[in-house]
């Protein structure tokens, strides 16, 4: 049975590592190191073994300029895109392109590849305080992004709330007057309902990623659902073929992850991300890529 390649939850391959990715495509396999036990495995990258490739990115500019979509499709690969577009915020996401550029990328992908293979991720929602001011969040451009996504025909928005890992607290402790905050569920639920109110008239449905406790508290009439960022059933519907629809046991199923089986070919150690997002659960590089 063919597999889904996830490229990647662990880093931004379309922004920084497409040359490496294409080299592995030409070799016919990926060499994958398990980040937890160091075990090395070989994963076939040939079109007859790969049903589809799911790309995750905050910047598809290099991918678009390199015409990698055309190259990969000519080789026989099916492509799907998880495009994270958050509000413009130089402190939280210092090295992503300007919002206008990212929205242009979304328009390009949707017009050239079709909106059925694009999910917009607004992720994560962050709450923070600066200089003893009232708590704020990073949703100030949400309506603008939603309207642009709707104009492209995008019908799915996936979101989650920031996880407060110790490494994030360590990363932010030297920023004067700044601190992330974790508000009560009532505030998070209000934010989800606010987002749904914006999205519903735009024909975009809101889904949450690994937020089952919040989903359980939503009123029965809410249309907010549980996401599958690796949507095997949707990929079968779009592309046909043969594919396992088993849940990915390596993900946070109990927390509400709906992803189906895939193989992630990224590496925290070998493929550091240069976006330097302040809330990143990985270990972002401190300098931008040269």
Protein backbone atom coordinates (compact mmCIF):
# COMPACT_ATOMS: atom_id res chain seq x y z
CA UNK A 1 0.00 0.00 0.00
CA UNK A 2 1.37 3.43 -0.93
CA UNK A 3 2.32 5.99 1.72
CA UNK A 4 1.91 9.68 2.44
CA UNK A 5 5.11 11.67 2.81
CA UNK A 6 4.86 14.48 5.37
CA UNK A 7 7.34 17.26 4.58
CA UNK A 8 7.38 18.19 7.40
CA UNK A 9 6.08 18.74 10.92
CA UNK A 10 9.67 19.12 12.14
CA UNK A 11 10.92 21.92 9.91
CA UNK A 12 10.02 24.06 6.90
CA UNK A 13 11.22 22.08 3.88
CA UNK A 14 9.54 24.22 1.17
CA UNK A 15 11.20 27.35 2.56
CA UNK A 16 14.71 26.01 3.22
CA UNK A 17 15.36 22.46 2.05
CA UNK A 18 13.84 21.79 -1.36
CA UNK A 19 17.22 21.04 -2.96
CA UNK A 20 17.83 18.38 -0.31
CA UNK A 21 14.30 17.06 -0.81
CA UNK A 22 14.70 16.75 -4.56
CA UNK A 23 18.03 14.96 -4.14
CA UNK A 24 16.26 12.28 -2.09
CA UNK A 25 13.53 12.06 -4.70
CA UNK A 26 16.19 11.39 -7.34
CA UNK A 27 17.93 8.83 -5.11
CA UNK A 28 14.66 6.96 -4.70
CA UNK A 29 14.60 6.92 -0.90
CA UNK A 30 14.72 9.04 2.25
CA UNK A 31 17.01 8.11 5.14
CA UNK A 32 15.01 8.87 8.28
CA UNK A 33 16.37 9.10 11.82
CA UNK A 34 13.84 8.62 14.60
CA UNK A 35 14.18 11.74 16.84
CA UNK A 36 13.47 9.73 19.99
CA UNK A 37 15.59 6.58 19.67
CA UNK A 38 18.02 7.40 16.83
CA UNK A 39 16.89 4.42 14.75
CA UNK A 40 17.60 4.92 11.03
CA UNK A 41 15.18 3.63 8.40
CA UNK A 42 14.91 3.91 4.64
CA UNK A 43 11.67 5.12 3.11
CA UNK A 44 11.01 4.77 -0.60
CA UNK A 45 10.45 8.06 -2.41
CA UNK A 46 9.45 6.67 -5.81
CA UNK A 47 6.06 7.63 -7.30
CA UNK A 48 4.86 4.03 -7.30
CA UNK A 49 5.31 3.87 -3.51
CA UNK A 50 4.30 7.43 -2.58
CA UNK A 51 0.60 8.20 -2.85
CA UNK A 52 1.01 11.91 -2.09
CA UNK A 53 3.29 14.47 -0.50
CA UNK A 54 1.93 16.85 2.14
CA UNK A 55 4.06 20.01 2.35
CA UNK A 56 3.96 22.18 5.47
CA UNK A 57 5.29 25.74 5.24
CA UNK A 58 5.06 29.39 6.27
CA UNK A 59 6.82 30.49 3.10
CA UNK A 60 6.17 28.77 -0.22
CA UNK A 61 8.14 31.43 -2.10
CA UNK A 62 11.23 29.26 -2.80
CA UNK A 63 8.96 26.34 -3.71
CA UNK A 64 7.03 28.47 -6.20
CA UNK A 65 10.13 30.14 -7.70
CA UNK A 66 11.76 26.74 -8.21
CA UNK A 67 8.65 25.41 -10.00
CA UNK A 68 8.86 22.35 -7.78
CA UNK A 69 5.13 21.79 -8.11
CA UNK A 70 5.49 21.28 -11.87
CA UNK A 71 8.60 19.13 -11.50
CA UNK A 72 7.04 16.82 -8.91
CA UNK A 73 3.70 16.48 -10.67
CA UNK A 74 5.47 15.65 -13.94
CA UNK A 75 7.24 12.86 -12.06
CA UNK A 76 3.86 11.49 -10.96
CA UNK A 77 3.49 12.80 -7.41
CA UNK A 78 0.26 14.13 -5.91
CA UNK A 79 0.74 17.28 -3.81
CA UNK A 80 -1.14 18.70 -0.82
CA UNK A 81 -0.33 21.87 1.14
CA UNK A 82 -0.66 22.92 4.78
CA UNK A 83 0.02 26.63 4.54
CA UNK A 84 0.43 28.43 7.87
CA UNK A 85 -0.47 32.10 7.52
CA UNK A 86 -0.57 34.00 10.79
CA UNK A 87 -0.85 37.70 11.54
CA UNK A 88 2.18 39.85 10.84
CA UNK A 89 4.22 40.03 14.06
CA UNK A 90 7.96 40.65 13.96
CA UNK A 91 8.46 39.52 17.55
CA UNK A 92 6.60 36.22 17.29
CA UNK A 93 7.61 35.33 13.72
CA UNK A 94 10.65 37.45 12.85
CA UNK A 95 11.77 35.83 9.62
CA UNK A 96 8.63 34.99 7.68
CA UNK A 97 7.86 37.11 4.60
CA UNK A 98 5.49 40.08 4.83
CA UNK A 99 1.83 39.12 5.05
CA UNK A 100 1.07 40.52 1.60
CA UNK A 101 3.71 38.25 0.08
CA UNK A 102 2.35 35.18 1.84
CA UNK A 103 -1.17 35.96 0.66
CA UNK A 104 0.14 36.26 -2.89
CA UNK A 105 1.72 32.83 -2.49
CA UNK A 106 -1.63 31.43 -1.39
CA UNK A 107 -3.30 32.95 -4.43
CA UNK A 108 -0.66 31.41 -6.71
CA UNK A 109 -0.98 27.94 -5.21
CA UNK A 110 -4.76 27.99 -5.31
CA UNK A 111 -4.92 29.16 -8.93
CA UNK A 112 -2.24 26.77 -10.20
CA UNK A 113 -2.96 23.68 -8.11
CA UNK A 114 -6.58 24.02 -6.98
CA UNK A 115 -7.97 24.88 -3.56
CA UNK A 116 -9.05 21.32 -2.78
CA UNK A 117 -5.41 20.49 -1.99
CA UNK A 118 -4.78 23.48 0.30
CA UNK A 119 -5.49 23.86 4.01
CA UNK A 120 -4.90 27.22 5.63
CA UNK A 121 -3.46 26.95 9.13
CA UNK A 122 -3.72 29.89 11.53
CA UNK A 123 -1.47 28.30 14.10
CA UNK A 124 -0.83 28.71 16.93
CA UNK A 125 -2.97 31.31 18.63
CA UNK A 126 -0.73 33.03 21.20
CA UNK A 127 -1.68 35.13 24.21
CA UNK A 128 0.94 37.39 25.74
CA UNK A 129 1.60 40.52 27.79
CA UNK A 130 4.06 43.33 27.12
CA UNK A 131 5.23 45.99 29.59
CA UNK A 132 2.41 45.39 32.07
CA UNK A 133 -0.21 46.09 29.41
CA UNK A 134 -3.42 44.07 29.10
CA UNK A 135 -3.20 40.61 27.59
CA UNK A 136 -3.21 40.55 23.80
CA UNK A 137 -3.12 37.89 21.09
CA UNK A 138 -1.83 37.44 17.56
CA UNK A 139 -5.20 37.47 15.82
CA UNK A 140 -5.20 41.10 14.66
CA UNK A 141 -4.88 40.19 10.95
CA UNK A 142 -7.18 37.18 11.12
CA UNK A 143 -10.10 38.76 9.26
CA UNK A 144 -7.83 40.06 6.48
CA UNK A 145 -6.25 36.64 6.00
CA UNK A 146 -9.64 34.94 6.10
CA UNK A 147 -11.06 37.25 3.45
CA UNK A 148 -8.05 36.68 1.19
CA UNK A 149 -8.28 32.91 1.69
CA UNK A 150 -11.98 32.98 0.90
CA UNK A 151 -11.33 34.96 -2.28
CA UNK A 152 -9.00 32.14 -3.33
CA UNK A 153 -11.70 29.56 -2.60
CA UNK A 154 -10.03 28.03 0.47
CA UNK A 155 -12.64 26.32 2.64
CA UNK A 156 -10.62 25.03 5.61
CA UNK A 157 -8.91 26.85 8.47
CA UNK A 158 -7.04 24.84 11.12
CA UNK A 159 -5.97 26.35 14.41
CA UNK A 160 -4.65 25.49 17.85
CA UNK A 161 -3.43 27.28 20.96
CA UNK A 162 0.25 27.60 21.84
CA UNK A 163 1.73 24.84 24.01
CA UNK A 164 3.83 26.26 26.83
CA UNK A 165 6.94 24.10 26.63
CA UNK A 166 9.83 24.79 29.04
CA UNK A 167 12.11 25.59 26.09
CA UNK A 168 9.76 28.43 25.13
CA UNK A 169 9.87 29.91 28.62
CA UNK A 170 13.66 29.69 28.52
CA UNK A 171 13.74 31.34 25.11
CA UNK A 172 11.62 34.30 26.20
CA UNK A 173 12.93 34.98 29.69
CA UNK A 174 15.46 37.58 28.51
CA UNK A 175 12.91 39.64 26.55
CA UNK A 176 12.23 42.64 28.75
CA UNK A 177 8.60 43.17 29.61
CA UNK A 178 7.34 40.19 27.59
CA UNK A 179 5.71 36.98 28.70
CA UNK A 180 3.42 34.40 27.12
CA UNK A 181 0.28 33.72 29.10
CA UNK A 182 -2.07 30.74 29.18
CA UNK A 183 -5.59 32.06 29.76
CA UNK A 184 -8.50 29.97 31.04
CA UNK A 185 -10.54 27.85 28.70
CA UNK A 186 -13.36 30.40 28.71
CA UNK A 187 -11.15 32.90 26.87
CA UNK A 188 -9.94 30.29 24.39
CA UNK A 189 -13.49 29.16 23.69
CA UNK A 190 -14.56 32.77 23.14
CA UNK A 191 -11.71 33.19 20.69
CA UNK A 192 -12.74 30.09 18.73
CA UNK A 193 -16.34 31.29 18.55
CA UNK A 194 -15.14 34.72 17.42
CA UNK A 195 -13.08 33.12 14.65
CA UNK A 196 -16.00 30.95 13.59
CA UNK A 197 -18.19 34.06 13.35
CA UNK A 198 -15.68 35.58 10.93
CA UNK A 199 -15.25 32.42 8.87
CA UNK A 200 -18.80 31.15 8.46
CA UNK A 201 -20.01 33.93 6.09
CA UNK A 202 -16.83 33.37 4.07
CA UNK A 203 -17.65 29.67 3.53
CA UNK A 204 -14.61 28.56 5.53
CA UNK A 205 -14.98 25.94 8.24
CA UNK A 206 -12.85 26.10 11.38
CA UNK A 207 -11.07 23.01 12.71
CA UNK A 208 -8.87 22.61 15.77
CA UNK A 209 -5.60 20.69 15.96
CA UNK A 210 -5.14 18.66 19.17
CA UNK A 211 -7.66 20.65 21.22
CA UNK A 212 -10.12 17.92 22.22
CA UNK A 213 -10.80 19.31 25.75
CA UNK A 214 -11.94 22.59 24.17
CA UNK A 215 -14.03 20.83 21.52
CA UNK A 216 -15.81 18.95 24.29
CA UNK A 217 -16.87 22.27 25.84
CA UNK A 218 -18.28 23.86 22.69
CA UNK A 219 -22.08 24.18 22.40
CA UNK A 220 -23.86 21.54 20.36
CA UNK A 221 -24.65 23.98 17.56
CA UNK A 222 -21.02 24.83 16.87
CA UNK A 223 -19.60 23.88 13.49
CA UNK A 224 -16.01 23.74 14.73
CA UNK A 225 -14.53 20.30 14.14
CA UNK A 226 -11.48 18.17 14.79
CA UNK A 227 -8.80 18.51 12.14
CA UNK A 228 -6.75 15.99 10.22
CA UNK A 229 -3.70 17.86 8.96
CA UNK A 230 -2.71 14.65 7.17
CA UNK A 231 -6.14 13.90 5.64
CA UNK A 232 -5.76 10.49 4.07
CA UNK A 233 -9.45 10.17 3.26
CA UNK A 234 -9.44 13.55 1.49
CA UNK A 235 -6.30 12.63 -0.44
CA UNK A 236 -8.02 9.45 -1.63
CA UNK A 237 -11.06 11.48 -2.67
CA UNK A 238 -8.94 13.96 -4.62
CA UNK A 239 -6.37 11.63 -6.17
CA UNK A 240 -7.83 8.12 -5.96
CA UNK A 241 -5.45 5.20 -5.52
CA UNK A 242 -4.70 2.92 -2.61
CA UNK A 243 -3.94 4.24 0.87
CA UNK A 244 -4.18 3.22 4.52
CA UNK A 245 -6.71 5.27 6.48
CA UNK A 246 -5.49 4.16 9.91
CA UNK A 247 -4.98 6.84 12.55
CA UNK A 248 -1.36 7.87 13.05
CA UNK A 249 -0.55 6.42 16.49
CA UNK A 250 2.59 8.54 16.65
CA UNK A 251 0.49 11.68 17.01
CA UNK A 252 -1.59 13.04 19.89
CA UNK A 253 -4.80 11.12 19.24
CA UNK A 254 -6.13 11.55 22.80
CA UNK A 255 -5.68 15.32 22.48
CA UNK A 256 -7.75 15.34 19.29
CA UNK A 257 -5.32 14.71 16.44
CA UNK A 258 -7.23 13.27 13.50
CA UNK A 259 -4.21 12.69 11.25
CA UNK A 260 -3.97 9.47 9.31
CA UNK A 261 -0.81 7.49 8.68
CA UNK A 262 2.16 9.25 7.07
CA UNK A 263 5.94 9.22 7.16
CA UNK A 264 7.61 12.46 8.25
CA UNK A 265 10.95 12.92 6.51
CA UNK A 266 12.16 16.06 8.29
CA UNK A 267 14.79 16.27 11.02
CA UNK A 268 15.03 18.68 13.95
CA UNK A 269 18.81 18.20 14.04
CA UNK A 270 19.68 18.15 10.34
CA UNK A 271 17.08 20.63 9.12
CA UNK A 272 16.96 23.55 11.55
CA UNK A 273 14.22 26.06 10.79
CA UNK A 274 15.32 29.65 10.24
CA UNK A 275 11.97 31.35 10.77
CA UNK A 276 12.96 31.70 14.45
CA UNK A 277 9.37 31.73 15.70
CA UNK A 278 9.28 32.61 19.36
CA UNK A 279 6.63 29.98 20.16
CA UNK A 280 8.28 27.12 18.23
CA UNK A 281 8.23 23.68 19.88
CA UNK A 282 11.45 22.78 18.05
CA UNK A 283 14.80 24.52 18.45
CA UNK A 284 14.88 27.27 15.84
CA UNK A 285 18.16 28.70 14.65
CA UNK A 286 19.00 32.13 15.99
CA UNK A 287 20.13 33.48 12.61
CA UNK A 288 18.37 33.59 9.29
CA UNK A 289 19.45 31.28 6.49
CA UNK A 290 22.15 32.67 4.23
